[in-house]
Structure formats: C-alpha cells, structure tokens
Amino acid sequence: MALIERMPPAKLTEGLTWLVTGLSIGVAIGAAGSGALVDAYGARSGFWLAIAAGAVVLSSAIQSYRHLK
C-alpha cells in the first residue's frame, strides 16, 4: 500500500485497484494451493508455501521500490 500511495494522484485509484485484485487472487490461490499441499504432504508443507509466497512478495516489493525511486 505504501508503494502504491507514492504514485501520482492520477494513477492512485488504478494502482489500488490492481493491488486489491492481486491480494484477492493471491489469497485464493494460496488457500487452494496450501490445502492441496496439506492433503498430499502434511501440515508443514502449507507453511512452506506461505514462506515461499512471502519471499516472492518481498522481492517484488523491493524491485518496485527501486523502480519508483
């Protein structure tokens, strides 16, 4: 949210829309993916998916921050 708020005011609404859409899709895919992993490999595998997704989001945020600078 903080990265999107740095965008020019004319693009702020679109940026927030894409952000919320991405969050919703990510939650849906994460729930489905971790459920399938838990069923196949046990509870710990669901946590590993969450850690991997967090690493992807962190690297994406770092790259976006560098691009906005």
C-alpha atoms as a PDB file:
ATOM      1  CA  MET A   1       0.000   0.000   0.000  1.00  0.00           C
ATOM      2  CA  ALA A   2       2.814   2.408   0.839  1.00  0.00           C
ATOM      3  CA  LEU A   3       4.430   1.884  -2.562  1.00  0.00           C
ATOM      4  CA  ILE A   4       1.152   2.490  -4.371  1.00  0.00           C
ATOM      5  CA  GLU A   5       0.487   5.662  -2.378  1.00  0.00           C
ATOM      6  CA  ARG A   6       3.657   7.160  -3.845  1.00  0.00           C
ATOM      7  CA  MET A   7       2.189   7.046  -7.345  1.00  0.00           C
ATOM      8  CA  PRO A   8       0.908  10.222  -8.993  1.00  0.00           C
ATOM      9  CA  PRO A   9      -2.658  11.065  -7.893  1.00  0.00           C
ATOM     10  CA  ALA A  10      -3.999  10.426 -11.395  1.00  0.00           C
ATOM     11  CA  LYS A  11      -2.904   6.764 -11.175  1.00  0.00           C
ATOM     12  CA  LEU A  12      -3.621   6.142  -7.490  1.00  0.00           C
ATOM     13  CA  THR A  13      -7.089   4.628  -7.934  1.00  0.00           C
ATOM     14  CA  GLU A  14      -5.922   2.264 -10.655  1.00  0.00           C
ATOM     15  CA  GLY A  15      -2.896   1.243  -8.592  1.00  0.00           C
ATOM     16  CA  LEU A  16      -5.011   0.482  -5.533  1.00  0.00           C
ATOM     17  CA  THR A  17      -7.461  -1.472  -7.688  1.00  0.00           C
ATOM     18  CA  TRP A  18      -4.697  -3.662  -9.081  1.00  0.00           C
ATOM     19  CA  LEU A  19      -3.245  -4.122  -5.605  1.00  0.00           C
ATOM     20  CA  VAL A  20      -6.513  -5.279  -4.051  1.00  0.00           C
ATOM     21  CA  THR A  21      -7.218  -7.529  -7.046  1.00  0.00           C
ATOM     22  CA  GLY A  22      -3.779  -9.095  -6.714  1.00  0.00           C
ATOM     23  CA  LEU A  23      -4.263  -9.613  -2.988  1.00  0.00           C
ATOM     24  CA  SER A  24      -7.607 -11.331  -3.553  1.00  0.00           C
ATOM     25  CA  ILE A  25      -6.204 -13.606  -6.242  1.00  0.00           C
ATOM     26  CA  GLY A  26      -3.173 -14.384  -4.093  1.00  0.00           C
ATOM     27  CA  VAL A  27      -5.321 -15.347  -1.118  1.00  0.00           C
ATOM     28  CA  ALA A  28      -7.497 -17.599  -3.275  1.00  0.00           C
ATOM     29  CA  ILE A  29      -4.545 -19.322  -4.938  1.00  0.00           C
ATOM     30  CA  GLY A  30      -2.704 -19.606  -1.623  1.00  0.00           C
ATOM     31  CA  ALA A  31      -5.664 -21.224   0.110  1.00  0.00           C
ATOM     32  CA  ALA A  32      -6.206 -23.700  -2.707  1.00  0.00           C
ATOM     33  CA  GLY A  33      -2.517 -24.464  -3.080  1.00  0.00           C
ATOM     34  CA  SER A  34      -1.805 -24.891   0.610  1.00  0.00           C
ATOM     35  CA  GLY A  35      -4.904 -27.052   1.018  1.00  0.00           C
ATOM     36  CA  ALA A  36      -3.705 -29.371  -1.732  1.00  0.00           C
ATOM     37  CA  LEU A  37      -0.201 -29.472  -0.251  1.00  0.00           C
ATOM     38  CA  VAL A  38      -1.508 -30.208   3.236  1.00  0.00           C
ATOM     39  CA  ASP A  39      -3.652 -33.042   1.904  1.00  0.00           C
ATOM     40  CA  ALA A  40      -0.736 -34.539  -0.018  1.00  0.00           C
ATOM     41  CA  TYR A  41       2.267 -33.866   2.241  1.00  0.00           C
ATOM     42  CA  GLY A  42       1.059 -32.830   5.688  1.00  0.00           C
ATOM     43  CA  ALA A  43       0.595 -29.583   7.573  1.00  0.00           C
ATOM     44  CA  ARG A  44       4.179 -28.346   7.371  1.00  0.00           C
ATOM     45  CA  SER A  45       4.060 -28.112   3.587  1.00  0.00           C
ATOM     46  CA  GLY A  46       1.315 -25.484   3.780  1.00  0.00           C
ATOM     47  CA  PHE A  47       3.574 -23.262   5.853  1.00  0.00           C
ATOM     48  CA  TRP A  48       6.399 -23.667   3.336  1.00  0.00           C
ATOM     49  CA  LEU A  49       4.089 -22.394   0.607  1.00  0.00           C
ATOM     50  CA  ALA A  50       3.315 -19.325   2.720  1.00  0.00           C
ATOM     51  CA  ILE A  51       7.034 -18.683   3.268  1.00  0.00           C
ATOM     52  CA  ALA A  52       7.763 -19.041  -0.453  1.00  0.00           C
ATOM     53  CA  ALA A  53       4.914 -16.682  -1.349  1.00  0.00           C
ATOM     54  CA  GLY A  54       6.180 -14.168   1.203  1.00  0.00           C
ATOM     55  CA  ALA A  55       9.644 -14.283  -0.378  1.00  0.00           C
ATOM     56  CA  VAL A  56       8.133 -13.629  -3.813  1.00  0.00           C
ATOM     57  CA  VAL A  57       6.146 -10.670  -2.485  1.00  0.00           C
ATOM     58  CA  LEU A  58       9.201  -9.260  -0.703  1.00  0.00           C
ATOM     59  CA  SER A  59      11.367  -9.454  -3.825  1.00  0.00           C
ATOM     60  CA  SER A  60       8.572  -7.886  -5.873  1.00  0.00           C
ATOM     61  CA  ALA A  61       8.235  -5.037  -3.385  1.00  0.00           C
ATOM     62  CA  ILE A  62      11.980  -4.406  -3.390  1.00  0.00           C
ATOM     63  CA  GLN A  63      12.064  -4.271  -7.182  1.00  0.00           C
ATOM     64  CA  SER A  64       9.030  -1.993  -7.283  1.00  0.00           C
ATOM     65  CA  TYR A  65      10.605   0.314  -4.734  1.00  0.00           C
ATOM     66  CA  ARG A  66      13.782   0.543  -6.797  1.00  0.00           C
ATOM     67  CA  HIS A  67      11.746   1.307  -9.916  1.00  0.00           C
ATOM     68  CA  LEU A  68       9.782   4.073  -8.173  1.00  0.00           C
ATOM     69  CA  LYS A  69      12.904   5.725  -6.757  1.00  0.00           C
END
